[in-house]
Amino acid sequence: MDGLHLHGSMAVLRAAGRCLLPLVIPASCVLWVLFFFPSPSPELAVRRESFQPTVTLPVQVRRDVGMSPPPPPPPLPERGEIVHASPPPPPARQEHPARRADRCAGRYVYVHELPSRFNSDLLRDCRSLSEWTDMCRHVANAGIGPRLTRTGGVLPATGWYDTNQFTLEVIFHARMKRYGCLTADVSRAAAVYVPYYAGLDVGRYLWGFSNGVRDALAEDLAEWLRSTPAWAAHGGRDHFLVGGRIAWDFRREDGGEGSQWGSRLLLLPEATNMTALVIEASPWHAATDVGVPYPTYFHPWRAADVSAWQRDVRRARRPWLFAFAGGGRRRGDDHHHGGGGVVRDRIIRQCARSRRCGLLRCGAHGRRDDCYDPGNVMRLFKSAAFCLQPRGDSYTRRSVFDAILAGCVPVFFHPGSAYTQYRWHLPRDHTAYSVFVPEDGVRNGTVRLEDVLRRISAAKVAAMREQVIRMIPTVVYRDPRGPSSGVPRDAVDVAVDGMIERIRRIKRGLPPGGEDDGGEHRWDTYFDKQ
């Protein structure tokens, strides 16, 4: 029995051996590979997994795309060297595309949608705007007036218009409609513009109307503004409006001298919180008034229009040493002009007696003597080295900007004519672009203007003229209908930037005018004695 069992076991083993024999050889191979080829170290495995191929651009391609050559790859580790793998750097923080592309951040302007009675209705009723002047022709073409076509070769064929000095509100509003950083969200606005045509409004009623009529629309505006959420946010301190007349026309003191002239717009409580951009500011109200240039005849469409005109005035022959365009003052008027009328009459007399002065009298007969003709004015100013700018009915004159446009160095006799007025638009150093001759010497006859101007060296005159010519782009108002890009900054751009900075200071509780807030104090005596 035991023998039979042993014989059966051997048979089973022989059968199992025949089945396992084919597996012996592969298993032996596996053991042999494992014994002679151990697995790589963990450190080298990390190095292999982190390896990234580097593609090197040819030198010429790198130069074209503005890339610098990539650094060489680190050397491979020597045998037995331990390489420590560092974690990949965190991804660069990506700025939000909308925020990165917002070129208007801090410069947005909100424009009030005023009822039409405050602006467009006045243009519709343009025949009532002036008793003596056809304002319908002057408010055409977005306020720049009819195009000049007959200039006798003095002016270019394009870009020149017969612009009235009191249409600034219309020009400014048309420009703001195409301002590049408008917003419908007042909470984002750095400034709020109120497009009320204040000058055209009061100009209708300066003669023969009661004070109540003159004030009616201004008081209506104040009530309308108080009811708006935009006003409630800052009490109007971020609001500004444009008045196309001098500040005196909006600041009538009832009961005193001049109590029958102008409106009380700038004396209303609401207006004292706003800023008024006017063609002449009051030297005693710097907290609310800012002077901006009078409109001139030139309204460029493209940058090429400006540069071509600048080249023209640089090449202009200037046979006159000095020139004056304007009219005298009637006897008795000087009391109302702080003595400026006497100075003006003395200047006209000196110019008429000098063979080196060009004179264009207002009110003279004959087309070539008409000082309201743009061609006549620019012909004279382009022919003179210096242009005399005494006070007119007020401290300032439109003629100042006509002279700058012609590349003629202005000569001032009172600081209120420019130095305390147009601080955003004219250089702080007035000696760089103008000559100052105090009025007293002209009034008492001790100063001869020809002698004063002849003593200025030719090099100094050339330097001042070049500075004046460089100022032209920022004192003119470009055509409001033209493109808003690719053109140089003009008087509106300068005014809006100045306004935004002024409001920023007001919101921070700082003086709105900066270091010169309240005026250039060195000129105070000229105003105190007037």
Protein backbone atom coordinates (compact mmCIF):
# COMPACT_ATOMS: atom_id res chain seq x y z
CA MET A 1 0.00 0.00 0.00
CA ASP A 2 2.85 2.41 0.98
CA GLY A 3 4.75 1.52 -2.19
CA LEU A 4 1.71 2.22 -4.28
CA HIS A 5 1.32 5.68 -2.61
CA LEU A 6 4.97 6.59 -3.19
CA HIS A 7 4.72 5.60 -6.83
CA GLY A 8 1.71 7.92 -7.23
CA SER A 9 3.54 10.92 -5.63
CA MET A 10 6.48 10.57 -7.93
CA ALA A 11 4.18 10.56 -10.89
CA VAL A 12 2.61 13.83 -9.73
CA LEU A 13 6.05 15.51 -9.27
CA ARG A 14 7.18 14.40 -12.72
CA ALA A 15 4.01 15.92 -14.20
CA ALA A 16 4.48 19.25 -12.27
CA GLY A 17 8.14 19.45 -13.36
CA ARG A 18 7.18 19.06 -16.97
CA CYS A 19 4.76 22.09 -16.47
CA LEU A 20 7.17 24.38 -14.56
CA LEU A 21 10.23 23.69 -16.66
CA PRO A 22 9.33 26.34 -19.30
CA LEU A 23 9.10 29.03 -16.55
CA VAL A 24 12.49 28.41 -14.99
CA ILE A 25 14.52 30.12 -17.70
CA PRO A 26 12.51 33.46 -17.76
CA ALA A 27 12.53 33.63 -13.97
CA SER A 28 16.28 33.17 -13.94
CA CYS A 29 16.66 36.06 -16.41
CA VAL A 30 14.58 38.38 -14.24
CA LEU A 31 16.68 37.58 -11.16
CA TRP A 32 19.85 38.17 -13.18
CA VAL A 33 18.66 41.64 -14.39
CA LEU A 34 17.60 42.69 -10.90
CA PHE A 35 20.92 41.61 -9.45
CA PHE A 36 23.20 43.40 -11.96
CA PHE A 37 20.97 46.55 -12.83
CA PRO A 38 19.61 48.12 -9.62
CA SER A 39 16.84 50.87 -9.89
CA PRO A 40 17.99 54.53 -10.06
CA SER A 41 18.11 56.67 -6.94
CA PRO A 42 15.04 58.76 -6.09
CA GLU A 43 17.01 62.01 -6.55
CA LEU A 44 18.01 61.20 -10.12
CA ALA A 45 14.46 60.15 -10.89
CA VAL A 46 13.22 63.59 -9.83
CA ARG A 47 15.84 65.24 -12.00
CA ARG A 48 14.71 63.27 -15.05
CA GLU A 49 11.04 64.02 -14.45
CA SER A 50 11.65 67.77 -14.07
CA PHE A 51 13.74 68.11 -17.20
CA GLN A 52 12.14 70.34 -19.89
CA PRO A 53 13.59 70.68 -23.35
CA THR A 54 14.83 74.17 -24.31
CA VAL A 55 14.22 75.56 -27.79
CA THR A 56 16.73 78.24 -28.74
CA LEU A 57 15.74 80.75 -31.41
CA PRO A 58 18.32 81.70 -34.02
CA VAL A 59 20.13 84.96 -33.26
CA GLN A 60 18.43 86.88 -36.07
CA VAL A 61 14.96 85.82 -34.91
CA ARG A 62 15.70 86.83 -31.33
CA ARG A 63 16.78 90.28 -32.53
CA ASP A 64 13.60 90.72 -34.54
CA VAL A 65 11.21 89.87 -31.75
CA GLY A 66 13.12 91.83 -29.14
CA MET A 67 14.07 88.81 -27.00
CA SER A 68 17.35 88.24 -25.22
CA PRO A 69 19.01 84.81 -25.56
CA PRO A 70 17.83 82.29 -22.95
CA PRO A 71 20.33 81.33 -20.24
CA PRO A 72 22.24 78.05 -20.79
CA PRO A 73 20.76 74.96 -19.12
CA PRO A 74 22.33 73.92 -15.81
CA PRO A 75 25.03 71.21 -16.09
CA LEU A 76 24.05 67.61 -15.52
CA PRO A 77 25.10 66.28 -12.09
CA GLU A 78 28.28 64.36 -11.77
CA ARG A 79 28.02 60.72 -10.77
CA GLY A 80 27.18 60.46 -7.10
CA GLU A 81 26.13 64.16 -6.85
CA ILE A 82 22.83 64.73 -5.08
CA VAL A 83 20.48 67.11 -6.92
CA HIS A 84 17.77 68.74 -4.81
CA ALA A 85 14.60 69.50 -6.78
CA SER A 86 12.91 72.86 -5.96
CA PRO A 87 9.16 73.35 -6.33
CA PRO A 88 8.03 75.19 -9.48
CA PRO A 89 7.63 78.99 -9.02
CA PRO A 90 4.09 80.28 -8.43
CA PRO A 91 2.35 81.65 -11.53
CA ALA A 92 2.73 85.41 -12.10
CA ARG A 93 -0.17 87.49 -10.78
CA GLN A 94 -2.24 88.59 -13.72
CA GLU A 95 -3.81 92.06 -13.57
CA HIS A 96 -7.44 92.25 -14.53
CA PRO A 97 -7.60 93.21 -18.24
CA ALA A 98 -10.28 95.87 -17.69
CA ARG A 99 -8.27 97.53 -14.94
CA ARG A 100 -5.05 97.42 -16.96
CA ALA A 101 -6.73 99.03 -19.97
CA ASP A 102 -8.57 101.79 -18.08
CA ARG A 103 -6.72 104.87 -19.32
CA CYS A 104 -9.47 107.07 -17.83
CA ALA A 105 -8.98 106.04 -14.21
CA GLY A 106 -9.19 109.19 -12.11
CA ARG A 107 -10.19 111.30 -15.14
CA TYR A 108 -13.84 110.47 -15.73
CA VAL A 109 -16.27 113.36 -16.19
CA TYR A 110 -20.01 113.16 -15.64
CA VAL A 111 -22.11 115.58 -17.73
CA HIS A 112 -25.49 116.66 -16.39
CA GLU A 113 -28.38 116.18 -18.81
CA LEU A 114 -29.90 119.60 -18.20
CA PRO A 115 -33.38 120.51 -19.47
CA SER A 116 -33.12 122.23 -22.84
CA ARG A 117 -34.09 125.63 -21.45
CA PHE A 118 -30.59 125.93 -19.99
CA ASN A 119 -28.72 125.49 -23.29
CA SER A 120 -30.17 124.33 -26.61
CA ASP A 121 -33.30 126.48 -26.34
CA LEU A 122 -31.07 129.54 -26.14
CA LEU A 123 -29.46 128.58 -29.45
CA ARG A 124 -32.86 127.99 -31.01
CA ASP A 125 -33.83 131.54 -29.99
CA CYS A 126 -30.48 132.93 -31.12
CA ARG A 127 -31.96 136.16 -32.50
CA SER A 128 -32.76 137.25 -28.96
CA LEU A 129 -29.20 136.75 -27.67
CA SER A 130 -27.95 140.22 -28.62
CA GLU A 131 -29.56 143.49 -29.57
CA TRP A 132 -26.75 144.56 -31.91
CA THR A 133 -24.98 141.37 -33.05
CA ASP A 134 -26.36 138.55 -35.20
CA MET A 135 -25.52 135.74 -32.80
CA CYS A 136 -27.23 133.15 -35.00
CA ARG A 137 -24.26 133.17 -37.36
CA HIS A 138 -21.81 133.05 -34.47
CA VAL A 139 -23.34 130.07 -32.65
CA ALA A 140 -23.27 128.04 -35.88
CA ASN A 141 -20.74 125.24 -36.39
CA ALA A 142 -20.76 124.25 -32.70
CA GLY A 143 -20.05 127.82 -31.61
CA ILE A 144 -17.05 128.61 -33.78
CA GLY A 145 -19.11 130.62 -36.27
CA PRO A 146 -18.93 130.91 -40.06
CA ARG A 147 -15.82 129.78 -41.92
CA LEU A 148 -13.52 132.54 -43.15
CA THR A 149 -13.12 132.41 -46.91
CA ARG A 150 -11.88 135.89 -47.85
CA THR A 151 -8.71 136.61 -45.92
CA GLY A 152 -6.54 138.22 -48.59
CA GLY A 153 -4.00 135.42 -48.39
CA VAL A 154 -3.25 136.20 -44.74
CA LEU A 155 -4.86 133.06 -43.32
CA PRO A 156 -4.97 129.44 -44.52
CA ALA A 157 -8.03 128.22 -46.37
CA THR A 158 -9.09 125.82 -43.59
CA GLY A 159 -9.35 125.97 -39.81
CA TRP A 160 -10.23 129.69 -39.55
CA TYR A 161 -13.64 131.00 -38.49
CA ASP A 162 -15.25 134.31 -37.56
CA THR A 163 -15.60 133.38 -33.90
CA ASN A 164 -17.38 135.63 -31.42
CA GLN A 165 -15.57 136.07 -28.11
CA PHE A 166 -18.73 135.21 -26.14
CA THR A 167 -19.45 131.74 -27.56
CA LEU A 168 -17.09 129.75 -25.34
CA GLU A 169 -19.96 127.93 -23.57
CA VAL A 170 -21.18 126.44 -26.84
CA ILE A 171 -17.67 125.45 -27.97
CA PHE A 172 -16.84 123.87 -24.62
CA HIS A 173 -20.10 121.92 -24.46
CA ALA A 174 -19.61 120.56 -27.99
CA ARG A 175 -16.11 119.44 -27.06
CA MET A 176 -17.26 117.77 -23.84
CA LYS A 177 -19.84 115.73 -25.73
CA ARG A 178 -16.86 113.99 -27.41
CA TYR A 179 -14.58 113.92 -24.39
CA GLY A 180 -12.79 110.58 -24.27
CA CYS A 181 -13.48 109.80 -20.60
CA LEU A 182 -17.20 110.38 -20.07
CA THR A 183 -19.12 108.25 -17.59
CA ALA A 184 -22.81 107.70 -16.87
CA ASP A 185 -21.94 106.62 -13.32
CA VAL A 186 -21.48 109.76 -11.24
CA SER A 187 -19.79 107.76 -8.46
CA ARG A 188 -16.84 107.15 -10.82
CA ALA A 189 -16.55 110.79 -11.89
CA ALA A 190 -13.60 112.97 -10.93
CA ALA A 191 -15.59 116.05 -12.00
CA VAL A 192 -19.18 116.93 -12.89
CA TYR A 193 -19.83 119.36 -15.76
CA VAL A 194 -22.92 121.60 -15.81
CA PRO A 195 -23.58 122.66 -19.45
CA TYR A 196 -25.50 125.85 -18.67
CA TYR A 197 -24.97 128.68 -21.18
CA ALA A 198 -24.71 131.33 -18.49
CA GLY A 199 -23.20 134.07 -20.67
CA LEU A 200 -25.71 133.70 -23.48
CA ASP A 201 -28.48 133.73 -20.90
CA VAL A 202 -27.51 136.96 -19.16
CA GLY A 203 -26.40 138.62 -22.41
CA ARG A 204 -30.05 138.79 -23.48
CA TYR A 205 -30.97 141.00 -20.54
CA LEU A 206 -28.04 143.35 -19.92
CA TRP A 207 -29.91 146.38 -21.20
CA GLY A 208 -33.50 147.31 -20.45
CA PHE A 209 -34.52 144.40 -18.22
CA SER A 210 -35.10 144.04 -14.49
CA ASN A 211 -32.75 142.18 -12.17
CA GLY A 212 -35.44 139.58 -11.54
CA VAL A 213 -35.49 138.71 -15.25
CA ARG A 214 -31.69 138.49 -15.36
CA ASP A 215 -31.59 136.11 -12.39
CA ALA A 216 -34.55 133.86 -13.23
CA LEU A 217 -32.82 131.08 -15.19
CA ALA A 218 -29.76 131.03 -12.89
CA GLU A 219 -32.00 130.57 -9.84
CA ASP A 220 -33.91 127.87 -11.71
CA LEU A 221 -30.63 126.05 -12.36
CA ALA A 222 -29.65 126.16 -8.68
CA GLU A 223 -32.98 124.60 -7.69
CA TRP A 224 -32.65 121.91 -10.35
CA LEU A 225 -29.12 120.97 -9.26
CA ARG A 226 -30.09 120.69 -5.59
CA SER A 227 -32.60 117.99 -6.50
CA THR A 228 -30.07 115.68 -8.19
CA PRO A 229 -28.21 112.75 -6.58
CA ALA A 230 -25.01 114.01 -8.22
CA TRP A 231 -25.25 117.23 -6.23
CA ALA A 232 -26.03 115.46 -2.97
CA ALA A 233 -22.82 113.40 -3.11
CA HIS A 234 -20.47 116.33 -2.46
CA GLY A 235 -22.75 119.35 -2.17
CA GLY A 236 -21.64 120.56 -5.60
CA ARG A 237 -17.96 120.87 -4.74
CA ASP A 238 -17.10 118.58 -7.66
CA HIS A 239 -19.26 120.57 -10.11
CA PHE A 240 -18.08 123.13 -12.64
CA LEU A 241 -19.67 125.30 -15.30
CA VAL A 242 -18.34 127.51 -18.10
CA GLY A 243 -19.29 131.16 -18.43
CA GLY A 244 -18.48 132.78 -21.75
CA ARG A 245 -18.26 136.27 -20.24
CA ILE A 246 -16.15 137.95 -17.57
CA ALA A 247 -16.92 137.12 -13.93
CA TRP A 248 -18.24 140.64 -13.29
CA ASP A 249 -21.21 139.84 -15.54
CA PHE A 250 -22.27 137.08 -13.10
CA ARG A 251 -21.61 138.84 -9.78
CA ARG A 252 -24.05 141.76 -9.45
CA GLU A 253 -24.00 143.44 -6.06
CA ASP A 254 -27.51 144.82 -5.57
CA GLY A 255 -27.67 148.27 -4.05
CA GLY A 256 -24.14 149.30 -4.96
CA GLU A 257 -22.34 150.54 -8.05
CA GLY A 258 -23.23 148.35 -10.99
CA SER A 259 -26.42 147.09 -9.34
CA GLN A 260 -28.12 147.24 -12.74
CA TRP A 261 -25.57 145.09 -14.56
CA GLY A 262 -25.34 141.32 -14.90
CA SER A 263 -26.83 138.49 -12.90
CA ARG A 264 -26.23 137.15 -9.39
CA LEU A 265 -25.29 133.66 -10.61
CA LEU A 266 -21.92 133.49 -8.85
CA LEU A 267 -23.37 134.90 -5.62
CA LEU A 268 -25.97 132.14 -5.28
CA PRO A 269 -25.17 129.73 -2.40
CA GLU A 270 -25.04 126.79 -4.82
CA ALA A 271 -22.59 128.56 -7.13
CA THR A 272 -20.18 129.29 -4.29
CA ASN A 273 -19.64 125.52 -3.99
CA MET A 274 -18.98 125.10 -7.72
CA THR A 275 -16.10 126.33 -9.89
CA ALA A 276 -16.77 128.75 -12.74
CA LEU A 277 -14.45 128.73 -15.77
CA VAL A 278 -14.75 132.25 -17.20
CA ILE A 279 -12.83 134.27 -19.78
CA GLU A 280 -11.85 136.66 -16.99
CA ALA A 281 -11.83 135.69 -13.32
CA SER A 282 -12.21 137.99 -10.35
CA PRO A 283 -8.89 138.48 -8.51
CA TRP A 284 -10.81 138.48 -5.23
CA HIS A 285 -12.69 135.22 -5.79
CA ALA A 286 -10.04 132.60 -6.52
CA ALA A 287 -12.04 130.07 -4.48
CA THR A 288 -14.71 129.96 -7.20
CA ASP A 289 -13.34 131.61 -10.39
CA VAL A 290 -10.74 130.30 -12.84
CA GLY A 291 -9.74 132.18 -15.99
CA VAL A 292 -9.57 130.33 -19.33
CA PRO A 293 -8.57 131.77 -22.74
CA TYR A 294 -10.92 133.75 -24.93
CA PRO A 295 -11.84 131.94 -28.16
CA THR A 296 -9.73 133.08 -31.12
CA TYR A 297 -10.33 132.66 -34.86
CA PHE A 298 -8.25 129.48 -35.26
CA HIS A 299 -9.89 126.09 -34.66
CA PRO A 300 -7.59 123.36 -36.02
CA TRP A 301 -8.93 119.99 -37.11
CA ARG A 302 -5.65 118.05 -37.23
CA ALA A 303 -2.19 118.27 -35.71
CA ALA A 304 -0.88 119.19 -39.16
CA ASP A 305 -3.04 122.34 -39.12
CA VAL A 306 -1.32 123.53 -35.96
CA SER A 307 2.23 122.75 -37.04
CA ALA A 308 1.68 124.39 -40.46
CA TRP A 309 0.46 127.60 -38.82
CA GLN A 310 3.37 127.61 -36.37
CA ARG A 311 5.80 127.36 -39.30
CA ASP A 312 4.00 130.23 -40.99
CA VAL A 313 4.31 132.62 -38.04
CA ARG A 314 7.95 131.64 -37.47
CA ARG A 315 8.79 132.70 -41.03
CA ALA A 316 6.69 135.87 -40.96
CA ARG A 317 8.48 139.16 -41.69
CA ARG A 318 7.93 141.64 -38.86
CA PRO A 319 8.68 145.19 -40.05
CA TRP A 320 6.87 146.79 -37.09
CA LEU A 321 8.63 146.92 -33.73
CA PHE A 322 5.28 147.09 -31.95
CA ALA A 323 1.58 147.32 -32.81
CA PHE A 324 -1.81 148.07 -31.28
CA ALA A 325 -5.33 147.16 -32.38
CA GLY A 326 -8.22 148.74 -30.51
CA GLY A 327 -10.21 151.86 -29.83
CA GLY A 328 -9.95 154.72 -27.37
CA ARG A 329 -12.19 155.49 -24.43
CA ARG A 330 -14.68 158.31 -24.10
CA ARG A 331 -14.16 160.96 -21.47
CA GLY A 332 -15.81 159.99 -18.24
CA ASP A 333 -15.41 156.24 -18.88
CA ASP A 334 -12.11 156.06 -17.04
CA HIS A 335 -13.78 156.15 -13.65
CA HIS A 336 -15.34 152.76 -14.45
CA HIS A 337 -12.11 151.21 -15.74
CA GLY A 338 -9.75 151.96 -12.83
CA GLY A 339 -7.72 154.46 -14.83
CA GLY A 340 -7.16 152.03 -17.69
CA GLY A 341 -8.85 154.33 -20.21
CA VAL A 342 -6.20 157.05 -19.80
CA VAL A 343 -3.41 154.50 -20.28
CA ARG A 344 -5.05 153.16 -23.43
CA ASP A 345 -5.38 156.65 -24.91
CA ARG A 346 -1.71 157.42 -24.14
CA ILE A 347 -0.67 154.15 -25.80
CA ILE A 348 -2.66 154.95 -28.94
CA ARG A 349 -1.07 158.39 -29.04
CA GLN A 350 2.47 157.01 -28.70
CA CYS A 351 1.84 154.39 -31.38
CA ALA A 352 0.39 156.94 -33.80
CA ARG A 353 3.47 159.18 -33.41
CA SER A 354 6.03 156.39 -33.90
CA ARG A 355 7.20 155.31 -37.34
CA ARG A 356 7.93 151.84 -35.87
CA CYS A 357 4.39 151.11 -34.61
CA GLY A 358 1.50 149.63 -36.58
CA LEU A 359 -1.92 150.95 -35.52
CA LEU A 360 -5.36 149.50 -36.28
CA ARG A 361 -8.11 151.69 -34.85
CA CYS A 362 -11.46 150.19 -33.94
CA GLY A 363 -14.37 152.21 -35.25
CA ALA A 364 -12.41 153.66 -38.16
CA HIS A 365 -14.05 153.80 -41.57
CA GLY A 366 -13.02 151.48 -44.41
CA ARG A 367 -12.65 147.71 -44.53
CA ARG A 368 -8.85 147.72 -44.23
CA ASP A 369 -9.19 149.75 -41.02
CA ASP A 370 -11.82 147.50 -39.45
CA CYS A 371 -10.28 145.94 -36.35
CA TYR A 372 -13.17 143.47 -36.09
CA ASP A 373 -12.07 141.83 -39.33
CA PRO A 374 -9.94 138.74 -38.47
CA GLY A 375 -7.77 139.15 -41.57
CA ASN A 376 -6.87 142.73 -40.65
CA VAL A 377 -6.02 141.84 -37.06
CA MET A 378 -3.84 138.86 -37.96
CA ARG A 379 -2.10 140.76 -40.78
CA LEU A 380 -1.03 143.47 -38.32
CA PHE A 381 0.02 141.14 -35.49
CA LYS A 382 2.00 138.87 -37.81
CA SER A 383 3.95 141.96 -38.91
CA ALA A 384 5.01 143.10 -35.42
CA ALA A 385 7.51 141.89 -32.85
CA PHE A 386 5.48 143.20 -29.87
CA CYS A 387 1.73 143.67 -29.43
CA LEU A 388 0.51 146.19 -26.85
CA GLN A 389 -2.20 144.85 -24.51
CA PRO A 390 -3.51 147.54 -22.15
CA ARG A 391 -6.67 147.01 -20.15
CA GLY A 392 -9.95 147.33 -21.99
CA ASP A 393 -13.43 147.48 -20.50
CA SER A 394 -12.01 145.08 -17.90
CA TYR A 395 -8.59 143.69 -17.03
CA THR A 396 -8.37 141.29 -19.98
CA ARG A 397 -8.78 141.43 -23.78
CA ARG A 398 -9.39 138.84 -26.46
CA SER A 399 -6.58 140.58 -28.33
CA VAL A 400 -4.05 138.92 -25.98
CA PHE A 401 -4.78 135.53 -27.51
CA ASP A 402 -4.98 136.93 -31.04
CA ALA A 403 -1.44 138.23 -30.52
CA ILE A 404 -0.17 134.88 -29.20
CA LEU A 405 -1.80 133.17 -32.18
CA ALA A 406 0.18 135.49 -34.47
CA GLY A 407 3.50 134.82 -32.71
CA CYS A 408 3.59 138.41 -31.43
CA VAL A 409 5.09 138.96 -27.95
CA PRO A 410 2.41 140.60 -25.73
CA VAL A 411 3.23 143.72 -23.71
CA PHE A 412 1.13 144.03 -20.54
CA PHE A 413 0.57 147.08 -18.35
CA HIS A 414 -1.41 145.49 -15.51
CA PRO A 415 -0.94 141.97 -14.00
CA GLY A 416 -4.70 141.39 -14.12
CA SER A 417 -4.54 141.23 -17.91
CA ALA A 418 -2.82 137.81 -17.85
CA TYR A 419 -0.50 136.97 -14.95
CA THR A 420 -3.21 136.47 -12.31
CA GLN A 421 -5.71 135.02 -14.77
CA TYR A 422 -4.70 132.10 -16.96
CA ARG A 423 -2.43 130.06 -14.67
CA TRP A 424 -3.35 126.73 -16.27
CA HIS A 425 -2.64 127.94 -19.80
CA LEU A 426 0.22 130.45 -19.59
CA PRO A 427 3.76 129.83 -18.26
CA ARG A 428 4.38 130.71 -14.63
CA ASP A 429 7.45 132.73 -15.64
CA HIS A 430 5.83 135.67 -17.40
CA THR A 431 9.21 137.06 -18.49
CA ALA A 432 9.64 134.05 -20.79
CA TYR A 433 6.83 135.11 -23.13
CA SER A 434 5.87 138.74 -22.39
CA VAL A 435 7.03 142.23 -21.39
CA PHE A 436 5.62 144.08 -18.39
CA VAL A 437 5.50 147.89 -18.34
CA PRO A 438 3.72 149.32 -15.24
CA GLU A 439 0.82 151.63 -16.06
CA ASP A 440 1.99 154.53 -13.92
CA GLY A 441 4.91 155.42 -16.17
CA VAL A 442 2.67 155.49 -19.26
CA ARG A 443 -0.05 157.42 -17.44
CA ASN A 444 2.27 160.19 -16.23
CA GLY A 445 4.24 160.34 -19.49
CA THR A 446 7.64 159.25 -18.12
CA VAL A 447 7.82 156.04 -20.16
CA ARG A 448 8.29 155.97 -23.93
CA LEU A 449 7.32 152.51 -25.17
CA GLU A 450 9.51 152.58 -28.27
CA ASP A 451 12.60 153.17 -26.13
CA VAL A 452 11.69 150.36 -23.71
CA LEU A 453 11.17 147.81 -26.48
CA ARG A 454 14.25 148.82 -28.52
CA ARG A 455 16.48 148.06 -25.52
CA ILE A 456 15.48 144.37 -25.56
CA SER A 457 18.13 142.34 -27.39
CA ALA A 458 17.35 140.53 -30.63
CA ALA A 459 18.24 137.20 -28.97
CA LYS A 460 15.79 137.84 -26.15
CA VAL A 461 13.05 138.83 -28.58
CA ALA A 462 13.63 135.65 -30.61
CA ALA A 463 13.48 133.50 -27.46
CA MET A 464 10.23 135.10 -26.30
CA ARG A 465 8.67 134.74 -29.74
CA GLU A 466 9.58 131.05 -29.87
CA GLN A 467 7.97 130.54 -26.46
CA VAL A 468 4.83 132.32 -27.65
CA ILE A 469 4.64 130.13 -30.77
CA ARG A 470 5.00 126.98 -28.67
CA MET A 471 2.05 128.13 -26.56
CA ILE A 472 -0.33 128.28 -29.52
CA PRO A 473 -1.74 124.70 -29.32
CA THR A 474 -2.83 125.02 -25.68
CA VAL A 475 -4.51 128.44 -25.95
CA VAL A 476 -6.69 127.69 -28.99
CA TYR A 477 -9.92 125.68 -29.06
CA ARG A 478 -9.79 123.05 -31.76
CA ASP A 479 -12.79 122.35 -33.94
CA PRO A 480 -15.35 120.53 -31.74
CA ARG A 481 -16.51 118.51 -34.74
CA GLY A 482 -13.06 117.11 -35.47
CA PRO A 483 -11.43 113.85 -34.33
CA SER A 484 -10.75 113.43 -30.64
CA SER A 485 -7.46 111.56 -31.10
CA GLY A 486 -4.25 112.29 -32.93
CA VAL A 487 -4.47 116.01 -32.23
CA PRO A 488 -2.44 118.11 -29.76
CA ARG A 489 -3.86 119.13 -26.40
CA ASP A 490 -5.86 122.34 -26.66
CA ALA A 491 -7.35 124.85 -24.23
CA VAL A 492 -10.23 122.50 -23.32
CA ASP A 493 -7.87 119.61 -22.49
CA VAL A 494 -5.78 121.87 -20.28
CA ALA A 495 -8.88 123.24 -18.54
CA VAL A 496 -10.38 119.79 -17.84
CA ASP A 497 -7.10 118.46 -16.44
CA GLY A 498 -6.78 121.55 -14.27
CA MET A 499 -10.36 121.18 -13.12
CA ILE A 500 -9.89 117.53 -12.12
CA GLU A 501 -6.79 118.37 -10.09
CA ARG A 502 -8.56 121.32 -8.47
CA ILE A 503 -11.51 119.14 -7.40
CA ARG A 504 -9.12 116.48 -6.11
CA ARG A 505 -7.56 119.09 -3.83
CA ILE A 506 -10.95 120.38 -2.69
CA LYS A 507 -12.07 116.87 -1.72
CA ARG A 508 -8.88 116.45 0.33
CA GLY A 509 -9.51 119.72 2.17
CA LEU A 510 -6.59 121.52 0.51
CA PRO A 511 -6.60 125.01 -1.05
CA PRO A 512 -8.01 124.56 -4.56
CA GLY A 513 -5.31 126.58 -6.28
CA GLY A 514 -2.29 124.91 -4.73
CA GLU A 515 0.66 127.03 -3.64
CA ASP A 516 -0.63 130.08 -5.50
CA ASP A 517 -4.12 129.88 -4.05
CA GLY A 518 -5.59 133.35 -3.76
CA GLY A 519 -3.36 134.85 -6.43
CA GLU A 520 0.24 135.86 -6.94
CA HIS A 521 0.67 137.98 -3.81
CA ARG A 522 3.43 140.07 -5.36
CA TRP A 523 0.75 141.69 -7.52
CA ASP A 524 -1.60 142.52 -4.63
CA THR A 525 -0.72 146.23 -4.57
CA TYR A 526 -1.90 146.62 -8.17
CA PHE A 527 -5.39 145.57 -7.12
CA ASP A 528 -5.48 147.22 -3.70
CA LYS A 529 -5.06 150.69 -5.15
CA GLN A 530 -7.67 150.27 -7.89
